[in-house]
């Protein structure tokens, strides 16, 4: 690799990592400021969980829509156009969020922000995997995830020192600043090779008109379910879990999210190195899914836990589910260049969007069997589904990505 290519690879990793940092900051910010922002908007204490779940579901539904939109555009127009188009949308939406004065406006703006947030990670990971060598691309995606996930830490720290409105303004401002890094960034060479050809690009229906591709696509989505169960249910609603577990103090969801994402970032880095050492992504995914099952069981059995113990449990839950970069890389490596951006963008967003089904199931069962048993059941189902899906996927470590789907 010559000096010019090395510079481009380095710049791509930096932009993708910082973009994901802002992406996670904005994505997680609502969970961090949920209680205080909704209280200021007049939501009663008894309604904080149900209203908060509705707003999260709105944001995640936006990500489902955005995942399809940006994924198709990534294969049709290019990875760079999506990377920065998505940044503009979610940055402006988060600035608008700071002006929200009603629950209705809050919900609509989080939907728009969700649409924007859907594009950044998929475009960034696709660029990295297509630009780096097949032996080392795992390091690139590991760096992107490791740096990016600290955006959740920033969201927690900033929300502690500023109002929830200002926290949204800061997130939007950081996103807009990222646009200046676009100068000098080169498009993926693999994409440029197929751009002017007659090969179909970004045809999402190709994922459904072939049984083998469809099965592979669905399995890529399902292996990521447990991570968003951990973040979207166990940590986001930790104050409610604390009451059910007779915690010795109020569990702070903001701090829980911050320490959970520190754990995820560390887990992602460890998982990335293990993939390189073991030369296998499937083995590492299996190890982390088993560890996630252990962490969930420990958390939901922690009767009488203290706020301090909760912090350590949040770290443990985060580390155990720190396979996000590995999971997205697996999805990116499963498909050809003409569908790669579509898959890499839609898969993580369909997983994020699965929070809608997961939270609805959790809330329904909570009324039937209680909050702890409900979480146990939903968590167990997510893990069984993920492990089954993983067993159906082929190993992709060191796979040559210079091919197309026909």
Protein backbone atom coordinates (compact mmCIF):
# COMPACT_ATOMS: atom_id res chain seq x y z
CA UNK A 1 0.00 0.00 0.00
CA UNK A 2 1.49 3.34 -1.06
CA UNK A 3 1.55 6.49 1.08
CA UNK A 4 -1.53 7.97 -0.61
CA UNK A 5 -3.61 4.86 0.04
CA UNK A 6 -2.41 4.66 3.65
CA UNK A 7 -3.43 8.29 4.16
CA UNK A 8 -6.87 7.61 2.69
CA UNK A 9 -7.38 4.50 4.84
CA UNK A 10 -6.34 6.43 7.95
CA UNK A 11 -8.71 9.30 7.11
CA UNK A 12 -11.58 6.89 6.41
CA UNK A 13 -11.09 5.22 9.81
CA UNK A 14 -10.93 8.60 11.57
CA UNK A 15 -14.07 9.95 9.88
CA UNK A 16 -15.99 6.69 10.38
CA UNK A 17 -14.94 6.48 14.05
CA UNK A 18 -15.82 10.11 14.84
CA UNK A 19 -19.04 9.79 12.88
CA UNK A 20 -20.00 6.75 14.91
CA UNK A 21 -19.01 8.62 18.09
CA UNK A 22 -21.57 11.34 17.32
CA UNK A 23 -24.05 8.72 16.08
CA UNK A 24 -23.97 6.85 19.41
CA UNK A 25 -24.03 10.13 21.38
CA UNK A 26 -27.24 11.16 19.65
CA UNK A 27 -28.74 7.67 19.65
CA UNK A 28 -28.27 7.17 23.39
CA UNK A 29 -28.94 10.73 24.54
CA UNK A 30 -32.70 10.21 24.91
CA UNK A 31 -32.16 7.22 27.22
CA UNK A 32 -29.82 9.37 29.32
CA UNK A 33 -32.12 12.41 29.59
CA UNK A 34 -35.43 10.49 29.43
CA UNK A 35 -36.54 11.12 33.00
CA UNK A 36 -35.60 14.77 33.38
CA UNK A 37 -36.69 15.82 29.90
CA UNK A 38 -40.10 14.13 30.15
CA UNK A 39 -40.68 15.51 33.63
CA UNK A 40 -40.00 19.02 32.34
CA UNK A 41 -42.55 18.38 29.58
CA UNK A 42 -45.17 17.49 32.21
CA UNK A 43 -45.17 13.69 32.10
CA UNK A 44 -46.27 12.09 35.39
CA UNK A 45 -43.89 9.75 37.22
CA UNK A 46 -46.15 6.74 36.63
CA UNK A 47 -46.10 7.39 32.88
CA UNK A 48 -42.34 7.84 32.44
CA UNK A 49 -41.76 4.23 31.37
CA UNK A 50 -44.67 3.99 28.91
CA UNK A 51 -44.10 7.42 27.33
CA UNK A 52 -40.34 6.83 27.21
CA UNK A 53 -40.87 3.46 25.52
CA UNK A 54 -43.14 5.10 22.92
CA UNK A 55 -40.51 7.73 22.08
CA UNK A 56 -37.75 5.09 21.87
CA UNK A 57 -39.96 3.04 19.57
CA UNK A 58 -40.54 6.11 17.38
CA UNK A 59 -36.79 6.68 17.11
CA UNK A 60 -36.12 3.03 16.34
CA UNK A 61 -38.89 2.92 13.74
CA UNK A 62 -37.20 5.89 12.09
CA UNK A 63 -34.01 3.87 12.02
CA UNK A 64 -35.79 1.00 10.27
CA UNK A 65 -36.98 3.38 7.54
CA UNK A 66 -33.61 5.14 7.38
CA UNK A 67 -31.71 1.86 7.23
CA UNK A 68 -33.47 0.92 4.00
CA UNK A 69 -33.18 4.44 2.53
CA UNK A 70 -29.48 4.96 3.25
CA UNK A 71 -28.54 1.36 2.48
CA UNK A 72 -30.00 1.49 -1.01
CA UNK A 73 -28.48 4.93 -1.63
CA UNK A 74 -25.10 3.64 -0.43
CA UNK A 75 -25.03 1.02 -3.18
CA UNK A 76 -26.54 3.27 -5.84
CA UNK A 77 -24.85 6.62 -5.16
CA UNK A 78 -21.82 5.71 -3.08
CA UNK A 79 -20.71 5.18 0.49
CA UNK A 80 -19.48 8.77 0.99
CA UNK A 81 -22.77 10.41 0.00
CA UNK A 82 -24.60 8.35 2.62
CA UNK A 83 -21.96 8.93 5.29
CA UNK A 84 -22.40 12.67 5.14
CA UNK A 85 -26.06 12.83 4.15
CA UNK A 86 -26.99 10.92 7.28
CA UNK A 87 -24.79 13.17 9.44
CA UNK A 88 -26.61 16.27 8.16
CA UNK A 89 -30.07 14.82 8.85
CA UNK A 90 -29.45 13.63 12.39
CA UNK A 91 -27.45 16.73 13.32
CA UNK A 92 -30.23 19.11 12.28
CA UNK A 93 -32.83 16.89 13.94
CA UNK A 94 -30.99 16.94 17.24
CA UNK A 95 -30.67 20.70 17.15
CA UNK A 96 -34.44 20.84 16.56
CA UNK A 97 -34.90 18.43 19.48
CA UNK A 98 -33.53 21.04 21.83
CA UNK A 99 -36.52 23.23 20.98
CA UNK A 100 -39.16 20.52 21.59
CA UNK A 101 -41.91 21.78 23.91
CA UNK A 102 -44.33 18.83 23.89
CA UNK A 103 -44.24 15.05 23.95
CA UNK A 104 -45.75 14.99 20.46
CA UNK A 105 -42.99 17.18 19.00
CA UNK A 106 -40.36 15.19 20.91
CA UNK A 107 -41.67 11.95 19.40
CA UNK A 108 -41.75 13.25 15.82
CA UNK A 109 -38.26 14.75 16.02
CA UNK A 110 -36.81 11.54 17.47
CA UNK A 111 -38.32 9.69 14.48
CA UNK A 112 -36.55 12.09 12.06
CA UNK A 113 -33.31 11.79 14.05
CA UNK A 114 -33.67 8.01 13.84
CA UNK A 115 -33.90 8.18 10.05
CA UNK A 116 -30.66 10.18 9.97
CA UNK A 117 -28.85 8.04 12.53
CA UNK A 118 -29.51 4.93 10.44
CA UNK A 119 -26.91 5.65 7.75
CA UNK A 120 -23.63 6.50 9.45
CA UNK A 121 -22.43 3.16 10.82
CA UNK A 122 -23.26 1.06 7.76
CA UNK A 123 -21.58 3.47 5.35
CA UNK A 124 -18.53 3.80 7.59
CA UNK A 125 -18.07 0.06 8.10
CA UNK A 126 -18.60 -0.62 4.39
CA UNK A 127 -15.91 1.92 3.48
CA UNK A 128 -13.47 0.44 5.98
CA UNK A 129 -14.01 -3.20 4.98
CA UNK A 130 -13.75 -2.41 1.26
CA UNK A 131 -10.65 -0.22 1.61
CA UNK A 132 -8.48 -2.24 4.01
CA UNK A 133 -6.81 -5.60 3.31
CA UNK A 134 -8.80 -8.73 4.09
CA UNK A 135 -6.28 -9.71 6.78
CA UNK A 136 -6.44 -6.38 8.66
CA UNK A 137 -9.93 -4.98 8.08
CA UNK A 138 -11.03 -6.37 11.46
CA UNK A 139 -8.67 -3.91 13.14
CA UNK A 140 -10.28 -1.04 11.24
CA UNK A 141 -13.83 -1.92 12.26
CA UNK A 142 -12.60 -2.53 15.81
CA UNK A 143 -11.19 1.02 16.00
CA UNK A 144 -14.39 2.51 14.55
CA UNK A 145 -16.54 0.75 17.14
CA UNK A 146 -14.12 1.26 20.03
CA UNK A 147 -13.92 5.01 19.50
CA UNK A 148 -17.54 5.42 18.46
CA UNK A 149 -19.07 3.73 21.45
CA UNK A 150 -17.49 6.29 23.78
CA UNK A 151 -20.10 8.66 22.37
CA UNK A 152 -22.42 7.18 24.98
CA UNK A 153 -19.93 8.16 27.69
CA UNK A 154 -19.87 11.70 26.31
CA UNK A 155 -23.69 11.80 26.30
CA UNK A 156 -23.81 10.82 29.97
CA UNK A 157 -21.10 13.27 31.04
CA UNK A 158 -22.48 16.21 29.06
CA UNK A 159 -26.05 15.62 30.25
CA UNK A 160 -24.76 15.76 33.84
CA UNK A 161 -23.38 19.27 33.33
CA UNK A 162 -25.91 20.80 30.93
CA UNK A 163 -29.66 20.90 30.44
CA UNK A 164 -31.22 18.24 28.24
CA UNK A 165 -31.86 20.90 25.57
CA UNK A 166 -28.21 21.99 25.50
CA UNK A 167 -27.12 18.35 25.36
CA UNK A 168 -29.10 17.96 22.12
CA UNK A 169 -27.61 21.19 20.73
CA UNK A 170 -24.10 19.91 21.44
CA UNK A 171 -24.79 16.63 19.66
CA UNK A 172 -26.11 18.42 16.59
CA UNK A 173 -23.16 20.79 16.55
CA UNK A 174 -20.62 17.97 16.76
CA UNK A 175 -22.26 16.29 13.79
CA UNK A 176 -22.10 19.38 11.62
CA UNK A 177 -18.42 19.87 12.47
CA UNK A 178 -17.73 16.39 11.09
CA UNK A 179 -18.65 17.53 7.60
CA UNK A 180 -15.38 19.47 7.34
CA UNK A 181 -13.46 16.17 7.48
CA UNK A 182 -15.01 15.11 4.18
CA UNK A 183 -12.37 17.06 2.23
CA UNK A 184 -9.87 14.64 0.69
CA UNK A 185 -11.80 11.48 1.53
CA UNK A 186 -11.85 8.99 -1.36
CA UNK A 187 -14.69 6.67 -2.33
CA UNK A 188 -14.36 2.89 -2.02
CA UNK A 189 -12.39 1.42 -4.93
CA UNK A 190 -14.62 -1.67 -5.05
CA UNK A 191 -17.70 0.53 -5.40
CA UNK A 192 -16.10 2.60 -8.16
CA UNK A 193 -15.34 -0.62 -10.06
CA UNK A 194 -19.06 -1.53 -10.25
CA UNK A 195 -20.51 2.00 -10.37
CA UNK A 196 -20.37 2.35 -14.16
CA UNK A 197 -21.22 -1.26 -14.92
CA UNK A 198 -24.63 -2.74 -15.78
CA UNK A 199 -24.68 -4.73 -12.53
CA UNK A 200 -27.76 -4.09 -10.38
CA UNK A 201 -26.80 -2.10 -7.28
CA UNK A 202 -28.83 -1.46 -4.16
CA UNK A 203 -31.77 -3.61 -5.25
CA UNK A 204 -33.10 -4.60 -1.83
CA UNK A 205 -35.48 -7.11 -3.42
CA UNK A 206 -32.43 -9.23 -4.29
CA UNK A 207 -32.26 -10.04 -0.59
CA UNK A 208 -35.70 -11.64 -0.78
CA UNK A 209 -35.83 -13.31 -4.20
CA UNK A 210 -33.19 -15.92 -3.38
CA UNK A 211 -33.72 -18.34 -0.48
CA UNK A 212 -30.02 -18.61 0.39
CA UNK A 213 -29.49 -14.83 0.44
CA UNK A 214 -32.68 -14.26 2.44
CA UNK A 215 -31.75 -16.83 5.10
CA UNK A 216 -28.25 -15.36 5.39
CA UNK A 217 -29.66 -11.82 5.68
CA UNK A 218 -32.15 -12.73 8.40
CA UNK A 219 -29.47 -14.59 10.38
CA UNK A 220 -27.19 -11.54 10.20
CA UNK A 221 -29.96 -9.50 11.83
CA UNK A 222 -30.89 -12.00 14.50
CA UNK A 223 -27.38 -12.47 15.92
CA UNK A 224 -27.45 -8.86 17.17
CA UNK A 225 -30.70 -9.06 19.19
CA UNK A 226 -29.21 -9.58 22.70
CA UNK A 227 -27.09 -6.42 22.63
CA UNK A 228 -30.06 -4.12 22.14
CA UNK A 229 -32.07 -6.05 24.72
CA UNK A 230 -29.32 -5.21 27.20
CA UNK A 231 -29.17 -1.52 26.29
CA UNK A 232 -32.80 -0.90 25.34
CA UNK A 233 -34.40 -2.72 28.27
CA UNK A 234 -32.04 -3.66 31.12
CA UNK A 235 -30.08 -0.39 31.24
CA UNK A 236 -32.62 2.12 29.91
CA UNK A 237 -35.23 0.99 32.46
CA UNK A 238 -32.75 0.38 35.27
CA UNK A 239 -34.58 2.70 37.73
CA UNK A 240 -37.63 0.43 37.44
CA UNK A 241 -35.49 -2.72 37.76
CA UNK A 242 -33.87 -1.21 40.83
CA UNK A 243 -37.24 -0.90 42.56
CA UNK A 244 -38.13 -4.50 41.70
CA UNK A 245 -34.76 -5.72 43.02
CA UNK A 246 -35.12 -3.67 46.22
CA UNK A 247 -31.98 -1.69 45.45
CA UNK A 248 -30.54 0.30 48.34
CA UNK A 249 -30.70 3.50 46.28
CA UNK A 250 -32.06 4.87 43.02
CA UNK A 251 -30.32 3.37 39.97
CA UNK A 252 -29.22 6.11 37.58
CA UNK A 253 -29.95 5.13 33.97
CA UNK A 254 -27.60 7.82 32.66
CA UNK A 255 -24.65 6.45 34.59
CA UNK A 256 -25.68 2.92 33.73
CA UNK A 257 -25.61 3.72 30.03
CA UNK A 258 -22.26 5.47 30.34
CA UNK A 259 -20.59 2.53 32.10
CA UNK A 260 -22.38 -0.03 29.92
CA UNK A 261 -20.96 1.63 26.82
CA UNK A 262 -17.50 1.82 28.34
CA UNK A 263 -17.84 -1.94 28.75
CA UNK A 264 -19.12 -2.35 25.19
CA UNK A 265 -16.20 -0.32 23.81
CA UNK A 266 -13.67 -2.41 25.74
CA UNK A 267 -15.50 -5.58 24.74
CA UNK A 268 -15.45 -4.55 21.08
CA UNK A 269 -11.69 -4.02 21.22
CA UNK A 270 -11.12 -7.36 22.97
CA UNK A 271 -13.45 -9.12 20.51
CA UNK A 272 -11.61 -7.55 17.59
CA UNK A 273 -8.25 -8.79 18.83
CA UNK A 274 -9.65 -12.24 19.56
CA UNK A 275 -10.98 -12.45 16.00
CA UNK A 276 -7.49 -11.71 14.67
CA UNK A 277 -5.86 -14.22 17.04
CA UNK A 278 -8.38 -17.03 16.49
CA UNK A 279 -8.89 -16.07 12.82
CA UNK A 280 -12.61 -16.55 13.33
CA UNK A 281 -15.52 -14.18 13.90
CA UNK A 282 -18.08 -16.92 14.61
CA UNK A 283 -16.12 -18.37 17.54
CA UNK A 284 -15.77 -14.95 19.13
CA UNK A 285 -19.46 -14.17 18.63
CA UNK A 286 -20.39 -17.44 20.33
CA UNK A 287 -18.12 -16.68 23.30
CA UNK A 288 -19.63 -13.23 23.81
CA UNK A 289 -23.23 -14.44 23.47
CA UNK A 290 -22.61 -17.01 26.23
CA UNK A 291 -21.02 -14.30 28.38
CA UNK A 292 -24.07 -12.08 27.74
CA UNK A 293 -26.35 -14.83 29.05
CA UNK A 294 -24.29 -15.01 32.24
CA UNK A 295 -24.31 -11.22 32.69
CA UNK A 296 -28.09 -10.97 32.23
CA UNK A 297 -28.67 -13.70 34.80
CA UNK A 298 -26.37 -12.03 37.35
CA UNK A 299 -28.05 -8.62 36.85
CA UNK A 300 -31.61 -9.90 37.20
CA UNK A 301 -30.67 -11.94 40.31
CA UNK A 302 -28.96 -9.05 42.13
CA UNK A 303 -31.50 -8.65 44.93
CA UNK A 304 -30.76 -5.63 47.15
CA UNK A 305 -27.99 -4.30 44.93
CA UNK A 306 -26.49 -0.90 45.65
CA UNK A 307 -26.01 1.91 43.09
CA UNK A 308 -22.28 1.13 43.20
CA UNK A 309 -22.87 -2.55 42.41
CA UNK A 310 -25.16 -1.46 39.58
CA UNK A 311 -22.24 0.42 37.99
CA UNK A 312 -20.10 -2.73 38.02
CA UNK A 313 -22.97 -4.78 36.63
CA UNK A 314 -23.44 -2.20 33.85
CA UNK A 315 -19.76 -2.57 32.96
CA UNK A 316 -20.10 -6.36 32.95
CA UNK A 317 -23.26 -6.28 30.83
CA UNK A 318 -21.56 -3.91 28.40
CA UNK A 319 -18.37 -5.95 28.08
CA UNK A 320 -20.31 -9.19 27.63
CA UNK A 321 -22.36 -7.69 24.80
CA UNK A 322 -19.37 -5.91 23.25
CA UNK A 323 -19.56 -7.70 19.93
CA UNK A 324 -21.17 -4.88 17.89
CA UNK A 325 -18.20 -4.32 15.57
CA UNK A 326 -17.77 -8.06 15.05
CA UNK A 327 -21.48 -8.47 14.31
CA UNK A 328 -21.60 -5.62 11.76
CA UNK A 329 -18.37 -6.82 10.12
CA UNK A 330 -19.84 -10.31 9.73
CA UNK A 331 -22.87 -8.82 7.96
CA UNK A 332 -20.67 -6.69 5.68
CA UNK A 333 -18.52 -9.68 4.70
CA UNK A 334 -21.48 -11.95 3.86
CA UNK A 335 -22.59 -10.10 0.69
CA UNK A 336 -21.19 -8.80 -2.62
CA UNK A 337 -20.20 -5.22 -3.44
CA UNK A 338 -23.48 -4.38 -5.19
CA UNK A 339 -25.49 -5.17 -2.04
CA UNK A 340 -22.90 -4.63 0.68
CA UNK A 341 -23.93 -1.11 1.76
CA UNK A 342 -27.60 -2.10 1.71
CA UNK A 343 -26.91 -5.04 4.02
CA UNK A 344 -24.37 -3.32 6.27
CA UNK A 345 -26.72 -0.37 6.80
CA UNK A 346 -30.03 -2.19 7.15
CA UNK A 347 -28.83 -5.04 9.38
CA UNK A 348 -27.70 -2.98 12.42
CA UNK A 349 -30.74 -0.73 12.07
CA UNK A 350 -33.14 -3.65 11.91
CA UNK A 351 -31.46 -4.89 15.09
CA UNK A 352 -31.86 -1.46 16.69
CA UNK A 353 -35.42 -1.38 15.41
CA UNK A 354 -36.04 -4.76 17.03
CA UNK A 355 -36.12 -2.81 20.30
CA UNK A 356 -39.72 -1.99 19.33
CA UNK A 357 -40.73 -5.68 19.40
CA UNK A 358 -38.51 -6.38 22.40
CA UNK A 359 -39.89 -3.53 24.53
CA UNK A 360 -43.49 -4.30 23.55
CA UNK A 361 -42.96 -7.96 24.52
CA UNK A 362 -41.26 -6.91 27.73
CA UNK A 363 -44.06 -4.50 28.68
CA UNK A 364 -46.78 -7.05 27.86
CA UNK A 365 -45.16 -9.80 29.92
CA UNK A 366 -44.37 -7.36 32.73
CA UNK A 367 -48.08 -7.02 33.40
CA UNK A 368 -48.48 -10.80 33.43
CA UNK A 369 -45.44 -12.11 35.34
CA UNK A 370 -43.65 -9.04 36.74
CA UNK A 371 -40.70 -6.99 35.52
CA UNK A 372 -37.92 -9.45 36.50
CA UNK A 373 -39.51 -12.58 35.04
CA UNK A 374 -40.52 -10.65 31.93
CA UNK A 375 -36.91 -9.56 31.35
CA UNK A 376 -35.67 -13.12 31.97
CA UNK A 377 -38.06 -14.56 29.39
CA UNK A 378 -37.43 -11.93 26.70
CA UNK A 379 -33.66 -12.06 27.26
CA UNK A 380 -33.60 -15.86 27.02
CA UNK A 381 -35.60 -15.80 23.78
CA UNK A 382 -33.24 -13.20 22.27
CA UNK A 383 -30.20 -15.31 23.15
CA UNK A 384 -31.60 -18.57 21.81
CA UNK A 385 -32.56 -16.86 18.55
CA UNK A 386 -29.09 -15.28 18.23
CA UNK A 387 -27.21 -18.52 18.88
CA UNK A 388 -29.39 -20.42 16.41
CA UNK A 389 -28.85 -17.76 13.73
CA UNK A 390 -25.09 -17.74 14.32
CA UNK A 391 -24.92 -21.49 13.72
CA UNK A 392 -26.38 -20.94 10.23
CA UNK A 393 -23.79 -18.42 9.04
CA UNK A 394 -20.49 -19.22 7.33
CA UNK A 395 -17.13 -18.00 8.63
CA UNK A 396 -16.02 -14.80 6.83
CA UNK A 397 -12.61 -14.06 8.31
CA UNK A 398 -10.13 -13.19 5.49
CA UNK A 399 -12.87 -13.57 2.87
CA UNK A 400 -12.16 -11.77 -0.43
CA UNK A 401 -14.82 -9.06 -0.85
CA UNK A 402 -14.17 -8.34 -4.53
CA UNK A 403 -17.32 -10.00 -5.91
CA UNK A 404 -20.95 -9.18 -6.68
CA UNK A 405 -24.34 -10.78 -6.08
CA UNK A 406 -26.12 -12.03 -9.21
